[in-house]
Amino acid sequence: MTIESILGAIVIGAVIGAIGRLLLPGRQAIGWILTVVVGIVAALIGTAIAQVLGVETTPGIDWIELVMQVVLAIVGVGLVAGLRRGSRV
């Protein structure tokens, strides 16, 4: 694993996490670092699922894989926000 791949994962995770957070209705009580972590995890899991399902890698944007990653980010942000909200009660 190179520095470029690590930085790329962080940037893509930040974007995926931010998109997931923006598409989730309501207010989420999680910080930006946790949003990036959720985005990185969602991007990795989404890529793995796409590969298992046989989604082809194309030279451009892989829309099916991207949709999977964003949906996973929405679910992840919702779960983390719900867990954090529940622990404050």
PDB file of N, CA and C in Angstrom:
ATOM      1  N   MET A   1       0.853  -1.176   0.000  1.00  0.00           N
ATOM      2  CA  MET A   1       0.000   0.000   0.000  1.00  0.00           C
ATOM      3  C   MET A   1       0.899   1.239   0.000  1.00  0.00           C
ATOM      4  N   THR A   2       0.649   2.124  -0.934  1.00  0.00           N
ATOM      5  CA  THR A   2       1.483   3.313  -1.060  1.00  0.00           C
ATOM      6  C   THR A   2       0.812   4.513  -0.408  1.00  0.00           C
ATOM      7  N   ILE A   3       1.575   5.565  -0.263  1.00  0.00           N
ATOM      8  CA  ILE A   3       1.038   6.809   0.294  1.00  0.00           C
ATOM      9  C   ILE A   3      -0.086   7.343  -0.591  1.00  0.00           C
ATOM     10  N   GLU A   4       0.087   7.224  -1.907  1.00  0.00           N
ATOM     11  CA  GLU A   4      -0.943   7.707  -2.828  1.00  0.00           C
ATOM     12  C   GLU A   4      -2.263   6.959  -2.653  1.00  0.00           C
ATOM     13  N   SER A   5      -2.185   5.650  -2.452  1.00  0.00           N
ATOM     14  CA  SER A   5      -3.426   4.886  -2.285  1.00  0.00           C
ATOM     15  C   SER A   5      -4.093   5.205  -0.950  1.00  0.00           C
ATOM     16  N   ILE A   6      -3.293   5.445   0.077  1.00  0.00           N
ATOM     17  CA  ILE A   6      -3.860   5.824   1.377  1.00  0.00           C
ATOM     18  C   ILE A   6      -4.528   7.190   1.290  1.00  0.00           C
ATOM     19  N   LEU A   7      -3.832   8.154   0.674  1.00  0.00           N
ATOM     20  CA  LEU A   7      -4.419   9.488   0.513  1.00  0.00           C
ATOM     21  C   LEU A   7      -5.652   9.441  -0.379  1.00  0.00           C
ATOM     22  N   GLY A   8      -5.605   8.623  -1.411  1.00  0.00           N
ATOM     23  CA  GLY A   8      -6.764   8.467  -2.283  1.00  0.00           C
ATOM     24  C   GLY A   8      -7.955   7.899  -1.540  1.00  0.00           C
ATOM     25  N   ALA A   9      -7.716   6.909  -0.672  1.00  0.00           N
ATOM     26  CA  ALA A   9      -8.797   6.324   0.123  1.00  0.00           C
ATOM     27  C   ALA A   9      -9.397   7.361   1.070  1.00  0.00           C
ATOM     28  N   ILE A  10      -8.551   8.204   1.649  1.00  0.00           N
ATOM     29  CA  ILE A  10      -9.045   9.242   2.558  1.00  0.00           C
ATOM     30  C   ILE A  10      -9.897  10.250   1.803  1.00  0.00           C
ATOM     31  N   VAL A  11      -9.417  10.690   0.629  1.00  0.00           N
ATOM     32  CA  VAL A  11     -10.167  11.680  -0.150  1.00  0.00           C
ATOM     33  C   VAL A  11     -11.492  11.098  -0.637  1.00  0.00           C
ATOM     34  N   ILE A  12     -11.437   9.896  -1.195  1.00  0.00           N
ATOM     35  CA  ILE A  12     -12.669   9.263  -1.679  1.00  0.00           C
ATOM     36  C   ILE A  12     -13.614   8.980  -0.508  1.00  0.00           C
ATOM     37  N   GLY A  13     -13.063   8.549   0.625  1.00  0.00           N
ATOM     38  CA  GLY A  13     -13.887   8.323   1.808  1.00  0.00           C
ATOM     39  C   GLY A  13     -14.553   9.590   2.294  1.00  0.00           C
ATOM     40  N   ALA A  14     -13.812  10.696   2.244  1.00  0.00           N
ATOM     41  CA  ALA A  14     -14.391  11.981   2.659  1.00  0.00           C
ATOM     42  C   ALA A  14     -15.544  12.377   1.741  1.00  0.00           C
ATOM     43  N   VAL A  15     -15.344  12.193   0.450  1.00  0.00           N
ATOM     44  CA  VAL A  15     -16.398  12.550  -0.509  1.00  0.00           C
ATOM     45  C   VAL A  15     -17.610  11.635  -0.349  1.00  0.00           C
ATOM     46  N   ILE A  16     -17.379  10.333  -0.275  1.00  0.00           N
ATOM     47  CA  ILE A  16     -18.483   9.375  -0.120  1.00  0.00           C
ATOM     48  C   ILE A  16     -19.219   9.631   1.200  1.00  0.00           C
ATOM     49  N   GLY A  17     -18.475   9.849   2.283  1.00  0.00           N
ATOM     50  CA  GLY A  17     -19.091  10.131   3.578  1.00  0.00           C
ATOM     51  C   GLY A  17     -19.904  11.411   3.566  1.00  0.00           C
ATOM     52  N   ALA A  18     -19.356  12.452   2.930  1.00  0.00           N
ATOM     53  CA  ALA A  18     -20.072  13.728   2.854  1.00  0.00           C
ATOM     54  C   ALA A  18     -21.351  13.596   2.037  1.00  0.00           C
ATOM     55  N   ILE A  19     -21.280  12.881   0.920  1.00  0.00           N
ATOM     56  CA  ILE A  19     -22.480  12.673   0.106  1.00  0.00           C
ATOM     57  C   ILE A  19     -23.521  11.876   0.892  1.00  0.00           C
ATOM     58  N   GLY A  20     -23.068  10.825   1.560  1.00  0.00           N
ATOM     59  CA  GLY A  20     -23.990  10.032   2.375  1.00  0.00           C
ATOM     60  C   GLY A  20     -24.643  10.854   3.467  1.00  0.00           C
ATOM     61  N   ARG A  21     -23.856  11.710   4.104  1.00  0.00           N
ATOM     62  CA  ARG A  21     -24.388  12.557   5.178  1.00  0.00           C
ATOM     63  C   ARG A  21     -25.369  13.590   4.638  1.00  0.00           C
ATOM     64  N   LEU A  22     -25.068  14.140   3.466  1.00  0.00           N
ATOM     65  CA  LEU A  22     -25.967  15.129   2.865  1.00  0.00           C
ATOM     66  C   LEU A  22     -27.293  14.505   2.427  1.00  0.00           C
ATOM     67  N   LEU A  23     -27.247  13.269   1.962  1.00  0.00           N
ATOM     68  CA  LEU A  23     -28.471  12.621   1.482  1.00  0.00           C
ATOM     69  C   LEU A  23     -29.326  12.040   2.607  1.00  0.00           C
ATOM     70  N   LEU A  24     -28.745  11.886   3.784  1.00  0.00           N
ATOM     71  CA  LEU A  24     -29.508  11.372   4.926  1.00  0.00           C
ATOM     72  C   LEU A  24     -30.319  12.509   5.528  1.00  0.00           C
ATOM     73  N   PRO A  25     -31.641  12.376   5.589  1.00  0.00           N
ATOM     74  CA  PRO A  25     -32.451  13.467   6.126  1.00  0.00           C
ATOM     75  C   PRO A  25     -32.208  13.668   7.621  1.00  0.00           C
ATOM     76  N   GLY A  26     -32.384  14.886   8.059  1.00  0.00           N
ATOM     77  CA  GLY A  26     -32.231  15.212   9.475  1.00  0.00           C
ATOM     78  C   GLY A  26     -30.818  15.623   9.826  1.00  0.00           C
ATOM     79  N   ARG A  27     -30.636  15.882  11.097  1.00  0.00           N
ATOM     80  CA  ARG A  27     -29.336  16.329  11.597  1.00  0.00           C
ATOM     81  C   ARG A  27     -28.600  15.141  12.197  1.00  0.00           C
ATOM     82  N   GLN A  28     -27.335  14.995  11.836  1.00  0.00           N
ATOM     83  CA  GLN A  28     -26.509  13.929  12.370  1.00  0.00           C
ATOM     84  C   GLN A  28     -25.477  14.529  13.319  1.00  0.00           C
ATOM     85  N   ALA A  29     -25.425  13.987  14.520  1.00  0.00           N
ATOM     86  CA  ALA A  29     -24.518  14.516  15.548  1.00  0.00           C
ATOM     87  C   ALA A  29     -23.176  13.777  15.508  1.00  0.00           C
ATOM     88  N   ILE A  30     -22.546  13.782  14.334  1.00  0.00           N
ATOM     89  CA  ILE A  30     -21.214  13.188  14.234  1.00  0.00           C
ATOM     90  C   ILE A  30     -20.290  14.204  13.577  1.00  0.00           C
ATOM     91  N   GLY A  31     -19.028  14.133  13.917  1.00  0.00           N
ATOM     92  CA  GLY A  31     -18.051  15.076  13.390  1.00  0.00           C
ATOM     93  C   GLY A  31     -17.548  14.679  12.016  1.00  0.00           C
ATOM     94  N   TRP A  32     -16.716  15.530  11.466  1.00  0.00           N
ATOM     95  CA  TRP A  32     -16.224  15.287  10.116  1.00  0.00           C
ATOM     96  C   TRP A  32     -15.241  14.121  10.067  1.00  0.00           C
ATOM     97  N   ILE A  33     -14.476  13.900  11.131  1.00  0.00           N
ATOM     98  CA  ILE A  33     -13.528  12.785  11.128  1.00  0.00           C
ATOM     99  C   ILE A  33     -14.294  11.461  11.083  1.00  0.00           C
ATOM    100  N   LEU A  34     -15.338  11.353  11.881  1.00  0.00           N
ATOM    101  CA  LEU A  34     -16.153  10.144  11.878  1.00  0.00           C
ATOM    102  C   LEU A  34     -16.875   9.973  10.543  1.00  0.00           C
ATOM    103  N   THR A  35     -17.268  11.075   9.927  1.00  0.00           N
ATOM    104  CA  THR A  35     -17.892  11.021   8.605  1.00  0.00           C
ATOM    105  C   THR A  35     -16.912  10.454   7.571  1.00  0.00           C
ATOM    106  N   VAL A  36     -15.651  10.891   7.639  1.00  0.00           N
ATOM    107  CA  VAL A  36     -14.629  10.386   6.720  1.00  0.00           C
ATOM    108  C   VAL A  36     -14.379   8.902   6.966  1.00  0.00           C
ATOM    109  N   VAL A  37     -14.311   8.497   8.230  1.00  0.00           N
ATOM    110  CA  VAL A  37     -14.094   7.083   8.553  1.00  0.00           C
ATOM    111  C   VAL A  37     -15.245   6.235   8.010  1.00  0.00           C
ATOM    112  N   VAL A  38     -16.464   6.679   8.221  1.00  0.00           N
ATOM    113  CA  VAL A  38     -17.631   5.956   7.695  1.00  0.00           C
ATOM    114  C   VAL A  38     -17.561   5.904   6.167  1.00  0.00           C
ATOM    115  N   GLY A  39     -17.158   7.000   5.543  1.00  0.00           N
ATOM    116  CA  GLY A  39     -17.034   7.036   4.090  1.00  0.00           C
ATOM    117  C   GLY A  39     -15.978   6.081   3.572  1.00  0.00           C
ATOM    118  N   ILE A  40     -14.838   5.994   4.257  1.00  0.00           N
ATOM    119  CA  ILE A  40     -13.778   5.068   3.846  1.00  0.00           C
ATOM    120  C   ILE A  40     -14.264   3.627   3.947  1.00  0.00           C
ATOM    121  N   VAL A  41     -14.902   3.310   5.064  1.00  0.00           N
ATOM    122  CA  VAL A  41     -15.419   1.945   5.255  1.00  0.00           C
ATOM    123  C   VAL A  41     -16.484   1.635   4.202  1.00  0.00           C
ATOM    124  N   ALA A  42     -17.377   2.589   3.933  1.00  0.00           N
ATOM    125  CA  ALA A  42     -18.423   2.385   2.929  1.00  0.00           C
ATOM    126  C   ALA A  42     -17.818   2.200   1.544  1.00  0.00           C
ATOM    127  N   ALA A  43     -16.774   2.963   1.227  1.00  0.00           N
ATOM    128  CA  ALA A  43     -16.130   2.840  -0.082  1.00  0.00           C
ATOM    129  C   ALA A  43     -15.471   1.470  -0.232  1.00  0.00           C
ATOM    130  N   LEU A  44     -14.793   1.022   0.810  1.00  0.00           N
ATOM    131  CA  LEU A  44     -14.130  -0.288   0.744  1.00  0.00           C
ATOM    132  C   LEU A  44     -15.140  -1.428   0.629  1.00  0.00           C
ATOM    133  N   ILE A  45     -16.185  -1.385   1.455  1.00  0.00           N
ATOM    134  CA  ILE A  45     -17.206  -2.445   1.416  1.00  0.00           C
ATOM    135  C   ILE A  45     -17.971  -2.401   0.091  1.00  0.00           C
ATOM    136  N   GLY A  46     -18.289  -1.194  -0.382  1.00  0.00           N
ATOM    137  CA  GLY A  46     -18.995  -1.061  -1.661  1.00  0.00           C
ATOM    138  C   GLY A  46     -18.188  -1.610  -2.824  1.00  0.00           C
ATOM    139  N   THR A  47     -16.883  -1.357  -2.818  1.00  0.00           N
ATOM    140  CA  THR A  47     -16.013  -1.893  -3.859  1.00  0.00           C
ATOM    141  C   THR A  47     -15.965  -3.414  -3.786  1.00  0.00           C
ATOM    142  N   ALA A  48     -15.857  -3.956  -2.571  1.00  0.00           N
ATOM    143  CA  ALA A  48     -15.811  -5.407  -2.399  1.00  0.00           C
ATOM    144  C   ALA A  48     -17.108  -6.056  -2.887  1.00  0.00           C
ATOM    145  N   ILE A  49     -18.239  -5.467  -2.536  1.00  0.00           N
ATOM    146  CA  ILE A  49     -19.531  -6.015  -2.974  1.00  0.00           C
ATOM    147  C   ILE A  49     -19.649  -5.953  -4.497  1.00  0.00           C
ATOM    148  N   ALA A  50     -19.217  -4.833  -5.083  1.00  0.00           N
ATOM    149  CA  ALA A  50     -19.281  -4.700  -6.541  1.00  0.00           C
ATOM    150  C   ALA A  50     -18.430  -5.765  -7.227  1.00  0.00           C
ATOM    151  N   GLN A  51     -17.265  -6.054  -6.671  1.00  0.00           N
ATOM    152  CA  GLN A  51     -16.401  -7.075  -7.260  1.00  0.00           C
ATOM    153  C   GLN A  51     -17.018  -8.465  -7.133  1.00  0.00           C
ATOM    154  N   VAL A  52     -17.625  -8.742  -5.976  1.00  0.00           N
ATOM    155  CA  VAL A  52     -18.267 -10.044  -5.778  1.00  0.00           C
ATOM    156  C   VAL A  52     -19.449 -10.215  -6.745  1.00  0.00           C
ATOM    157  N   LEU A  53     -20.190  -9.139  -6.974  1.00  0.00           N
ATOM    158  CA  LEU A  53     -21.337  -9.205  -7.877  1.00  0.00           C
ATOM    159  C   LEU A  53     -20.931  -9.181  -9.345  1.00  0.00           C
ATOM    160  N   GLY A  54     -19.650  -8.960  -9.617  1.00  0.00           N
ATOM    161  CA  GLY A  54     -19.168  -8.973 -10.996  1.00  0.00           C
ATOM    162  C   GLY A  54     -19.362  -7.672 -11.736  1.00  0.00           C
ATOM    163  N   VAL A  55     -19.503  -6.568 -11.026  1.00  0.00           N
ATOM    164  CA  VAL A  55     -19.621  -5.270 -11.677  1.00  0.00           C
ATOM    165  C   VAL A  55     -18.272  -4.956 -12.325  1.00  0.00           C
ATOM    166  N   GLU A  56     -18.301  -4.662 -13.612  1.00  0.00           N
ATOM    167  CA  GLU A  56     -17.060  -4.438 -14.344  1.00  0.00           C
ATOM    168  C   GLU A  56     -16.437  -3.098 -13.988  1.00  0.00           C
ATOM    169  N   THR A  57     -15.112  -3.086 -13.925  1.00  0.00           N
ATOM    170  CA  THR A  57     -14.373  -1.845 -13.723  1.00  0.00           C
ATOM    171  C   THR A  57     -14.170  -1.204 -15.083  1.00  0.00           C
ATOM    172  N   THR A  58     -14.567   0.049 -15.198  1.00  0.00           N
ATOM    173  CA  THR A  58     -14.463   0.763 -16.468  1.00  0.00           C
ATOM    174  C   THR A  58     -13.456   1.900 -16.335  1.00  0.00           C
ATOM    175  N   PRO A  59     -12.982   2.436 -17.458  1.00  0.00           N
ATOM    176  CA  PRO A  59     -12.023   3.540 -17.386  1.00  0.00           C
ATOM    177  C   PRO A  59     -12.626   4.812 -16.787  1.00  0.00           C
ATOM    178  N   GLY A  60     -13.917   4.983 -16.887  1.00  0.00           N
ATOM    179  CA  GLY A  60     -14.571   6.174 -16.356  1.00  0.00           C
ATOM    180  C   GLY A  60     -15.091   5.932 -14.949  1.00  0.00           C
ATOM    181  N   ILE A  61     -16.197   6.570 -14.639  1.00  0.00           N
ATOM    182  CA  ILE A  61     -16.818   6.423 -13.326  1.00  0.00           C
ATOM    183  C   ILE A  61     -17.651   5.148 -13.313  1.00  0.00           C
ATOM    184  N   ASP A  62     -17.455   4.339 -12.299  1.00  0.00           N
ATOM    185  CA  ASP A  62     -18.250   3.123 -12.130  1.00  0.00           C
ATOM    186  C   ASP A  62     -19.495   3.488 -11.321  1.00  0.00           C
ATOM    187  N   TRP A  63     -20.572   3.807 -12.020  1.00  0.00           N
ATOM    188  CA  TRP A  63     -21.766   4.343 -11.368  1.00  0.00           C
ATOM    189  C   TRP A  63     -22.422   3.350 -10.427  1.00  0.00           C
ATOM    190  N   ILE A  64     -22.469   2.090 -10.799  1.00  0.00           N
ATOM    191  CA  ILE A  64     -23.102   1.086  -9.939  1.00  0.00           C
ATOM    192  C   ILE A  64     -22.326   0.968  -8.631  1.00  0.00           C
ATOM    193  N   GLU A  65     -21.023   0.917  -8.731  1.00  0.00           N
ATOM    194  CA  GLU A  65     -20.181   0.836  -7.531  1.00  0.00           C
ATOM    195  C   GLU A  65     -20.329   2.099  -6.679  1.00  0.00           C
ATOM    196  N   LEU A  66     -20.378   3.244  -7.334  1.00  0.00           N
ATOM    197  CA  LEU A  66     -20.529   4.508  -6.611  1.00  0.00           C
ATOM    198  C   LEU A  66     -21.849   4.570  -5.856  1.00  0.00           C
ATOM    199  N   VAL A  67     -22.922   4.110  -6.488  1.00  0.00           N
ATOM    200  CA  VAL A  67     -24.231   4.093  -5.827  1.00  0.00           C
ATOM    201  C   VAL A  67     -24.195   3.175  -4.612  1.00  0.00           C
ATOM    202  N   MET A  68     -23.554   2.007  -4.758  1.00  0.00           N
ATOM    203  CA  MET A  68     -23.431   1.090  -3.618  1.00  0.00           C
ATOM    204  C   MET A  68     -22.674   1.759  -2.471  1.00  0.00           C
ATOM    205  N   GLN A  69     -21.604   2.454  -2.791  1.00  0.00           N
ATOM    206  CA  GLN A  69     -20.799   3.105  -1.765  1.00  0.00           C
ATOM    207  C   GLN A  69     -21.591   4.201  -1.050  1.00  0.00           C
ATOM    208  N   VAL A  70     -22.331   4.991  -1.810  1.00  0.00           N
ATOM    209  CA  VAL A  70     -23.116   6.077  -1.203  1.00  0.00           C
ATOM    210  C   VAL A  70     -24.235   5.520  -0.334  1.00  0.00           C
ATOM    211  N   VAL A  71     -24.913   4.472  -0.806  1.00  0.00           N
ATOM    212  CA  VAL A  71     -25.982   3.853  -0.005  1.00  0.00           C
ATOM    213  C   VAL A  71     -25.397   3.309   1.305  1.00  0.00           C
ATOM    214  N   LEU A  72     -24.250   2.655   1.216  1.00  0.00           N
ATOM    215  CA  LEU A  72     -23.598   2.155   2.430  1.00  0.00           C
ATOM    216  C   LEU A  72     -23.177   3.301   3.351  1.00  0.00           C
ATOM    217  N   ALA A  73     -22.754   4.421   2.776  1.00  0.00           N
ATOM    218  CA  ALA A  73     -22.391   5.579   3.595  1.00  0.00           C
ATOM    219  C   ALA A  73     -23.616   6.156   4.297  1.00  0.00           C
ATOM    220  N   ILE A  74     -24.742   6.203   3.600  1.00  0.00           N
ATOM    221  CA  ILE A  74     -25.978   6.698   4.220  1.00  0.00           C
ATOM    222  C   ILE A  74     -26.352   5.809   5.405  1.00  0.00           C
ATOM    223  N   VAL A  75     -26.308   4.499   5.189  1.00  0.00           N
ATOM    224  CA  VAL A  75     -26.621   3.554   6.265  1.00  0.00           C
ATOM    225  C   VAL A  75     -25.618   3.712   7.407  1.00  0.00           C
ATOM    226  N   GLY A  76     -24.340   3.811   7.075  1.00  0.00           N
ATOM    227  CA  GLY A  76     -23.297   3.937   8.098  1.00  0.00           C
ATOM    228  C   GLY A  76     -23.430   5.205   8.914  1.00  0.00           C
ATOM    229  N   VAL A  77     -23.666   6.330   8.244  1.00  0.00           N
ATOM    230  CA  VAL A  77     -23.832   7.602   8.969  1.00  0.00           C
ATOM    231  C   VAL A  77     -25.062   7.524   9.864  1.00  0.00           C
ATOM    232  N   GLY A  78     -26.142   6.938   9.357  1.00  0.00           N
ATOM    233  CA  GLY A  78     -27.350   6.791  10.176  1.00  0.00           C
ATOM    234  C   GLY A  78     -27.114   5.924  11.398  1.00  0.00           C
ATOM    235  N   LEU A  79     -26.405   4.811  11.215  1.00  0.00           N
ATOM    236  CA  LEU A  79     -26.104   3.928  12.351  1.00  0.00           C
ATOM    237  C   LEU A  79     -25.219   4.617  13.384  1.00  0.00           C
ATOM    238  N   VAL A  80     -24.163   5.262  12.920  1.00  0.00           N
ATOM    239  CA  VAL A  80     -23.239   5.927  13.850  1.00  0.00           C
ATOM    240  C   VAL A  80     -23.942   7.066  14.577  1.00  0.00           C
ATOM    241  N   ALA A  81     -24.732   7.853  13.852  1.00  0.00           N
ATOM    242  CA  ALA A  81     -25.457   8.952  14.493  1.00  0.00           C
ATOM    243  C   ALA A  81     -26.454   8.414  15.516  1.00  0.00           C
ATOM    244  N   GLY A  82     -27.127   7.318  15.175  1.00  0.00           N
ATOM    245  CA  GLY A  82     -28.078   6.711  16.106  1.00  0.00           C
ATOM    246  C   GLY A  82     -27.393   6.152  17.343  1.00  0.00           C
ATOM    247  N   LEU A  83     -26.243   5.515  17.160  1.00  0.00           N
ATOM    248  CA  LEU A  83     -25.496   4.980  18.297  1.00  0.00           C
ATOM    249  C   LEU A  83     -24.976   6.098  19.200  1.00  0.00           C
ATOM    250  N   ARG A  84     -24.517   7.177  18.588  1.00  0.00           N
ATOM    251  CA  ARG A  84     -24.009   8.300  19.386  1.00  0.00           C
ATOM    252  C   ARG A  84     -25.147   8.989  20.128  1.00  0.00           C
ATOM    253  N   ARG A  85     -26.283   9.111  19.473  1.00  0.00           N
ATOM    254  CA  ARG A  85     -27.445   9.739  20.113  1.00  0.00           C
ATOM    255  C   ARG A  85     -27.926   8.868  21.290  1.00  0.00           C
ATOM    256  N   GLY A  86     -27.922   7.558  21.086  1.00  0.00           N
ATOM    257  CA  GLY A  86     -28.361   6.635  22.126  1.00  0.00           C
ATOM    258  C   GLY A  86     -27.434   6.596  23.313  1.00  0.00           C
ATOM    259  N   SER A  87     -26.140   6.830  23.117  1.00  0.00           N
ATOM    260  CA  SER A  87     -25.188   6.773  24.219  1.00  0.00           C
ATOM    261  C   SER A  87     -25.205   8.036  25.070  1.00  0.00           C
ATOM    262  N   ARG A  88     -25.827   9.093  24.602  1.00  0.00           N
ATOM    263  CA  ARG A  88     -25.886  10.353  25.354  1.00  0.00           C
ATOM    264  C   ARG A  88     -27.093  10.430  26.260  1.00  0.00           C
ATOM    265  N   VAL A  89     -27.995   9.482  26.164  1.00  0.00           N
ATOM    266  CA  VAL A  89     -29.218   9.520  26.967  1.00  0.00           C
ATOM    267  C   VAL A  89     -28.952   8.993  28.353  1.00  0.00           C
TER     268      VAL A  89
END
